[in-house]
Amino acid sequence: MSEFRYKQVIVFRSDLKISKGKTAVQAGHAAVSAAEEARKKHRSWWKAWIEEGQRKIAVKVKNEEELLKLEMEAKIQGLPYALITDMGLTEVPPGTITCLGIGPAPAEKIDKLTGNLPLL
């Protein structure tokens, strides 16, 4: 298969101690919400990403502060993104920010922002 040109990155807070199931659900929220932003605002990126196979990467940051800095940078760079806040029905208090979905967007644009982050 040829190299992917588009991707989506899901960034998690490593300071939260949540179950694998909760992590999977939060990733789903981030992936869908950020993809919907791309579909609305960068349709060509979204369409190319869909056709390529919807590449996703999961990475982590240390805490909420680092996650919010990434959100601001994604906004400044014009990337589609979605910050996920939990309703607090199970494992974390209501309003807990759990993760950030960035993209889909051109891989080189996302890599400038998240390329140095460790994998989840």
N, C-alpha and C. Protein backbone atom coordinates (compact mmCIF):
# COMPACT_ATOMS: atom_id res chain seq x y z
N MET A 1 0.85 -1.19 0.00
CA MET A 1 0.00 0.00 0.00
C MET A 1 0.88 1.24 0.00
N SER A 2 0.46 2.24 -0.70
CA SER A 2 1.22 3.48 -0.76
C SER A 2 1.14 4.20 0.59
N GLU A 3 2.01 5.15 0.78
CA GLU A 3 2.08 5.90 2.03
C GLU A 3 0.81 6.73 2.23
N PHE A 4 0.36 6.78 3.47
CA PHE A 4 -0.81 7.59 3.80
C PHE A 4 -0.44 9.06 3.71
N ARG A 5 -1.31 9.86 3.12
CA ARG A 5 -1.08 11.30 3.01
C ARG A 5 -1.87 12.07 4.05
N TYR A 6 -2.90 11.43 4.61
CA TYR A 6 -3.77 12.07 5.59
C TYR A 6 -3.85 11.20 6.83
N LYS A 7 -4.06 11.84 7.97
CA LYS A 7 -4.22 11.07 9.19
C LYS A 7 -5.00 11.86 10.22
N GLN A 8 -5.36 11.14 11.25
CA GLN A 8 -6.02 11.72 12.42
C GLN A 8 -5.22 11.24 13.64
N VAL A 9 -5.05 12.13 14.60
CA VAL A 9 -4.34 11.78 15.83
C VAL A 9 -5.28 12.01 17.00
N ILE A 10 -5.32 11.03 17.90
CA ILE A 10 -6.07 11.15 19.14
C ILE A 10 -5.04 11.27 20.26
N VAL A 11 -5.14 12.36 21.01
CA VAL A 11 -4.18 12.66 22.07
C VAL A 11 -4.87 12.47 23.42
N PHE A 12 -4.28 11.62 24.25
CA PHE A 12 -4.83 11.31 25.57
C PHE A 12 -3.99 11.90 26.69
N ARG A 13 -4.64 12.20 27.78
CA ARG A 13 -3.96 12.60 29.00
C ARG A 13 -3.47 11.35 29.72
N SER A 14 -2.17 11.28 30.01
CA SER A 14 -1.64 10.10 30.70
C SER A 14 -1.81 10.19 32.21
N ASP A 15 -2.22 11.36 32.72
CA ASP A 15 -2.42 11.49 34.17
C ASP A 15 -3.77 10.93 34.62
N LEU A 16 -4.68 10.66 33.70
CA LEU A 16 -5.96 10.06 34.05
C LEU A 16 -5.80 8.55 34.12
N LYS A 17 -6.31 7.96 35.14
CA LYS A 17 -6.26 6.50 35.28
C LYS A 17 -7.64 5.96 34.95
N ILE A 18 -7.86 5.73 33.65
CA ILE A 18 -9.16 5.22 33.19
C ILE A 18 -8.96 3.85 32.57
N SER A 19 -10.03 3.07 32.54
CA SER A 19 -9.97 1.71 32.01
C SER A 19 -9.74 1.72 30.50
N LYS A 20 -9.38 0.55 29.99
CA LYS A 20 -9.21 0.40 28.54
C LYS A 20 -10.52 0.65 27.81
N GLY A 21 -11.61 0.20 28.39
CA GLY A 21 -12.91 0.43 27.77
C GLY A 21 -13.25 1.91 27.69
N LYS A 22 -13.01 2.62 28.78
CA LYS A 22 -13.26 4.07 28.80
C LYS A 22 -12.37 4.76 27.79
N THR A 23 -11.12 4.34 27.71
CA THR A 23 -10.19 4.91 26.73
C THR A 23 -10.71 4.70 25.31
N ALA A 24 -11.19 3.50 25.03
CA ALA A 24 -11.71 3.20 23.69
C ALA A 24 -12.92 4.08 23.36
N VAL A 25 -13.81 4.25 24.32
CA VAL A 25 -15.00 5.06 24.08
C VAL A 25 -14.62 6.53 23.86
N GLN A 26 -13.69 7.04 24.66
CA GLN A 26 -13.26 8.43 24.49
C GLN A 26 -12.58 8.62 23.14
N ALA A 27 -11.80 7.62 22.71
CA ALA A 27 -11.18 7.67 21.38
C ALA A 27 -12.24 7.73 20.29
N GLY A 28 -13.29 6.96 20.46
CA GLY A 28 -14.39 6.99 19.49
C GLY A 28 -15.04 8.36 19.41
N HIS A 29 -15.29 8.97 20.57
CA HIS A 29 -15.85 10.32 20.59
C HIS A 29 -14.94 11.29 19.84
N ALA A 30 -13.65 11.23 20.14
CA ALA A 30 -12.69 12.15 19.53
C ALA A 30 -12.59 11.94 18.02
N ALA A 31 -12.53 10.67 17.61
CA ALA A 31 -12.39 10.37 16.18
C ALA A 31 -13.59 10.86 15.39
N VAL A 32 -14.78 10.56 15.87
CA VAL A 32 -15.99 10.95 15.16
C VAL A 32 -16.16 12.48 15.16
N SER A 33 -15.97 13.08 16.32
CA SER A 33 -16.19 14.53 16.42
C SER A 33 -15.19 15.32 15.58
N ALA A 34 -13.92 14.95 15.62
CA ALA A 34 -12.92 15.66 14.83
C ALA A 34 -13.13 15.41 13.33
N ALA A 35 -13.50 14.19 12.97
CA ALA A 35 -13.77 13.89 11.55
C ALA A 35 -14.95 14.71 11.05
N GLU A 36 -15.94 14.89 11.89
CA GLU A 36 -17.10 15.69 11.49
C GLU A 36 -16.70 17.15 11.28
N GLU A 37 -15.81 17.66 12.12
CA GLU A 37 -15.29 19.02 11.91
C GLU A 37 -14.57 19.12 10.57
N ALA A 38 -13.75 18.11 10.26
CA ALA A 38 -13.04 18.11 8.98
C ALA A 38 -14.03 18.03 7.82
N ARG A 39 -15.05 17.20 7.95
CA ARG A 39 -16.03 17.06 6.88
C ARG A 39 -16.71 18.40 6.58
N LYS A 40 -16.97 19.17 7.63
CA LYS A 40 -17.64 20.46 7.47
C LYS A 40 -16.71 21.55 6.92
N LYS A 41 -15.47 21.57 7.39
CA LYS A 41 -14.58 22.70 7.12
C LYS A 41 -13.46 22.41 6.13
N HIS A 42 -13.11 21.14 5.95
CA HIS A 42 -12.02 20.74 5.05
C HIS A 42 -12.45 19.46 4.32
N ARG A 43 -13.49 19.57 3.55
CA ARG A 43 -14.09 18.39 2.95
C ARG A 43 -13.10 17.57 2.10
N SER A 44 -12.20 18.23 1.41
CA SER A 44 -11.26 17.47 0.57
C SER A 44 -10.31 16.64 1.43
N TRP A 45 -9.89 17.17 2.57
CA TRP A 45 -9.05 16.39 3.49
C TRP A 45 -9.82 15.19 4.01
N TRP A 46 -11.04 15.43 4.44
CA TRP A 46 -11.89 14.37 4.99
C TRP A 46 -12.10 13.26 3.96
N LYS A 47 -12.44 13.66 2.74
CA LYS A 47 -12.72 12.68 1.69
C LYS A 47 -11.48 11.85 1.36
N ALA A 48 -10.33 12.50 1.25
CA ALA A 48 -9.09 11.77 0.96
C ALA A 48 -8.75 10.79 2.09
N TRP A 49 -8.95 11.22 3.31
CA TRP A 49 -8.69 10.37 4.49
C TRP A 49 -9.60 9.15 4.48
N ILE A 50 -10.88 9.37 4.18
CA ILE A 50 -11.83 8.26 4.09
C ILE A 50 -11.38 7.27 3.02
N GLU A 51 -11.01 7.77 1.86
CA GLU A 51 -10.62 6.90 0.75
C GLU A 51 -9.32 6.16 1.01
N GLU A 52 -8.42 6.75 1.79
CA GLU A 52 -7.14 6.10 2.12
C GLU A 52 -7.26 5.01 3.18
N GLY A 53 -8.34 5.00 3.93
CA GLY A 53 -8.49 3.98 4.96
C GLY A 53 -8.57 4.52 6.37
N GLN A 54 -8.67 5.83 6.54
CA GLN A 54 -8.90 6.47 7.84
C GLN A 54 -7.79 6.20 8.86
N ARG A 55 -6.58 6.48 8.50
CA ARG A 55 -5.43 6.27 9.40
C ARG A 55 -5.62 7.08 10.69
N LYS A 56 -5.41 6.40 11.83
CA LYS A 56 -5.50 7.03 13.15
C LYS A 56 -4.29 6.63 13.97
N ILE A 57 -3.79 7.57 14.75
CA ILE A 57 -2.67 7.33 15.66
C ILE A 57 -3.09 7.80 17.04
N ALA A 58 -2.77 7.03 18.08
CA ALA A 58 -3.07 7.42 19.46
C ALA A 58 -1.76 7.75 20.17
N VAL A 59 -1.71 8.95 20.73
CA VAL A 59 -0.52 9.42 21.44
C VAL A 59 -0.94 9.97 22.81
N LYS A 60 0.05 10.38 23.60
CA LYS A 60 -0.28 10.87 24.93
C LYS A 60 0.53 12.10 25.29
N VAL A 61 -0.07 12.88 26.21
CA VAL A 61 0.60 14.01 26.85
C VAL A 61 0.52 13.78 28.35
N LYS A 62 1.25 14.58 29.10
CA LYS A 62 1.32 14.37 30.55
C LYS A 62 0.05 14.77 31.29
N ASN A 63 -0.61 15.84 30.84
CA ASN A 63 -1.71 16.38 31.64
C ASN A 63 -2.64 17.26 30.81
N GLU A 64 -3.64 17.79 31.49
CA GLU A 64 -4.63 18.64 30.84
C GLU A 64 -3.99 19.90 30.25
N GLU A 65 -3.05 20.48 30.95
CA GLU A 65 -2.40 21.71 30.46
C GLU A 65 -1.76 21.48 29.09
N GLU A 66 -1.04 20.37 28.95
CA GLU A 66 -0.40 20.07 27.66
C GLU A 66 -1.46 19.82 26.58
N LEU A 67 -2.55 19.17 26.94
CA LEU A 67 -3.62 18.90 25.98
C LEU A 67 -4.25 20.20 25.49
N LEU A 68 -4.48 21.13 26.41
CA LEU A 68 -5.08 22.41 26.04
C LEU A 68 -4.14 23.25 25.18
N LYS A 69 -2.84 23.13 25.40
CA LYS A 69 -1.87 23.82 24.54
C LYS A 69 -1.95 23.28 23.11
N LEU A 70 -2.08 21.96 22.98
CA LEU A 70 -2.23 21.36 21.65
C LEU A 70 -3.52 21.80 20.98
N GLU A 71 -4.59 21.88 21.75
CA GLU A 71 -5.86 22.34 21.19
C GLU A 71 -5.69 23.75 20.62
N MET A 72 -5.05 24.64 21.38
CA MET A 72 -4.86 26.02 20.92
C MET A 72 -4.00 26.05 19.65
N GLU A 73 -2.97 25.24 19.61
CA GLU A 73 -2.10 25.21 18.44
C GLU A 73 -2.84 24.65 17.22
N ALA A 74 -3.66 23.63 17.41
CA ALA A 74 -4.47 23.10 16.30
C ALA A 74 -5.39 24.19 15.75
N LYS A 75 -5.99 24.95 16.65
CA LYS A 75 -6.86 26.04 16.25
C LYS A 75 -6.09 27.09 15.46
N ILE A 76 -4.93 27.49 15.96
CA ILE A 76 -4.09 28.50 15.30
C ILE A 76 -3.69 28.03 13.90
N GLN A 77 -3.37 26.75 13.78
CA GLN A 77 -2.92 26.20 12.49
C GLN A 77 -4.07 25.87 11.55
N GLY A 78 -5.29 26.06 11.99
CA GLY A 78 -6.44 25.81 11.12
C GLY A 78 -6.76 24.35 10.91
N LEU A 79 -6.36 23.50 11.85
CA LEU A 79 -6.63 22.07 11.74
C LEU A 79 -7.99 21.75 12.37
N PRO A 80 -8.71 20.79 11.82
CA PRO A 80 -9.93 20.36 12.48
C PRO A 80 -9.58 19.63 13.77
N TYR A 81 -10.35 19.88 14.82
CA TYR A 81 -10.07 19.25 16.11
C TYR A 81 -11.35 19.15 16.92
N ALA A 82 -11.29 18.31 17.95
CA ALA A 82 -12.41 18.18 18.89
C ALA A 82 -11.85 17.82 20.26
N LEU A 83 -12.13 18.66 21.24
CA LEU A 83 -11.75 18.42 22.62
C LEU A 83 -12.89 17.65 23.28
N ILE A 84 -12.57 16.54 23.93
CA ILE A 84 -13.59 15.67 24.49
C ILE A 84 -13.66 15.85 26.01
N THR A 85 -14.86 16.17 26.46
CA THR A 85 -15.14 16.36 27.88
C THR A 85 -16.14 15.29 28.30
N ASP A 86 -15.80 14.54 29.35
CA ASP A 86 -16.64 13.43 29.79
C ASP A 86 -17.83 13.91 30.61
N MET A 87 -18.94 13.18 30.49
CA MET A 87 -20.14 13.52 31.25
C MET A 87 -20.04 13.10 32.72
N GLY A 88 -19.07 12.25 33.03
CA GLY A 88 -18.85 11.88 34.42
C GLY A 88 -19.81 10.84 34.96
N LEU A 89 -20.32 9.98 34.12
CA LEU A 89 -21.29 8.99 34.57
C LEU A 89 -20.63 7.73 35.12
N THR A 90 -19.34 7.52 34.86
CA THR A 90 -18.72 6.27 35.29
C THR A 90 -17.42 6.46 36.07
N GLU A 91 -16.35 6.83 35.40
CA GLU A 91 -15.03 6.74 36.02
C GLU A 91 -14.38 8.06 36.43
N VAL A 92 -14.81 9.15 35.84
CA VAL A 92 -14.20 10.45 36.14
C VAL A 92 -15.28 11.46 36.48
N PRO A 93 -14.92 12.54 37.17
CA PRO A 93 -15.92 13.56 37.51
C PRO A 93 -16.48 14.24 36.26
N PRO A 94 -17.71 14.74 36.33
CA PRO A 94 -18.29 15.47 35.19
C PRO A 94 -17.39 16.62 34.77
N GLY A 95 -17.26 16.79 33.47
CA GLY A 95 -16.46 17.89 32.93
C GLY A 95 -14.99 17.59 32.76
N THR A 96 -14.58 16.37 33.07
CA THR A 96 -13.17 16.00 32.91
C THR A 96 -12.81 15.97 31.43
N ILE A 97 -11.77 16.70 31.06
CA ILE A 97 -11.26 16.67 29.69
C ILE A 97 -10.39 15.43 29.56
N THR A 98 -10.74 14.55 28.62
CA THR A 98 -10.04 13.27 28.50
C THR A 98 -9.08 13.20 27.33
N CYS A 99 -9.46 13.75 26.19
CA CYS A 99 -8.62 13.61 25.01
C CYS A 99 -8.96 14.67 23.97
N LEU A 100 -8.14 14.70 22.93
CA LEU A 100 -8.27 15.66 21.85
C LEU A 100 -8.09 14.92 20.53
N GLY A 101 -9.05 15.06 19.63
CA GLY A 101 -8.90 14.53 18.29
C GLY A 101 -8.43 15.64 17.37
N ILE A 102 -7.41 15.37 16.56
CA ILE A 102 -6.89 16.34 15.60
C ILE A 102 -6.90 15.69 14.22
N GLY A 103 -7.53 16.37 13.27
CA GLY A 103 -7.61 15.84 11.93
C GLY A 103 -8.89 15.06 11.73
N PRO A 104 -9.07 14.52 10.55
CA PRO A 104 -8.07 14.27 9.54
C PRO A 104 -7.59 15.54 8.83
N ALA A 105 -6.30 15.46 8.50
CA ALA A 105 -5.63 16.56 7.81
C ALA A 105 -4.39 15.98 7.15
N PRO A 106 -3.72 16.76 6.30
CA PRO A 106 -2.47 16.27 5.72
C PRO A 106 -1.49 15.87 6.82
N ALA A 107 -0.87 14.72 6.65
CA ALA A 107 0.02 14.16 7.67
C ALA A 107 1.11 15.14 8.09
N GLU A 108 1.69 15.86 7.13
CA GLU A 108 2.79 16.77 7.49
C GLU A 108 2.32 17.91 8.39
N LYS A 109 1.09 18.34 8.24
CA LYS A 109 0.55 19.40 9.10
C LYS A 109 0.35 18.88 10.53
N ILE A 110 -0.19 17.69 10.65
CA ILE A 110 -0.41 17.11 11.97
C ILE A 110 0.93 16.74 12.62
N ASP A 111 1.86 16.23 11.83
CA ASP A 111 3.16 15.84 12.39
C ASP A 111 3.91 17.02 13.00
N LYS A 112 3.73 18.21 12.46
CA LYS A 112 4.38 19.39 13.03
C LYS A 112 3.91 19.63 14.47
N LEU A 113 2.69 19.24 14.74
CA LEU A 113 2.08 19.47 16.04
C LEU A 113 2.24 18.28 16.99
N THR A 114 2.14 17.07 16.46
CA THR A 114 2.10 15.89 17.34
C THR A 114 3.21 14.87 17.08
N GLY A 115 4.07 15.12 16.11
CA GLY A 115 5.07 14.15 15.71
C GLY A 115 6.06 13.74 16.78
N ASN A 116 6.23 14.56 17.81
CA ASN A 116 7.20 14.23 18.86
C ASN A 116 6.56 13.59 20.09
N LEU A 117 5.24 13.38 20.05
CA LEU A 117 4.55 12.80 21.21
C LEU A 117 4.69 11.27 21.22
N PRO A 118 4.81 10.69 22.42
CA PRO A 118 4.92 9.22 22.51
C PRO A 118 3.58 8.55 22.22
N LEU A 119 3.66 7.34 21.66
CA LEU A 119 2.46 6.57 21.40
C LEU A 119 1.79 6.19 22.72
N LEU A 120 0.48 6.05 22.67
CA LEU A 120 -0.29 5.69 23.85
C LEU A 120 0.06 4.27 24.30
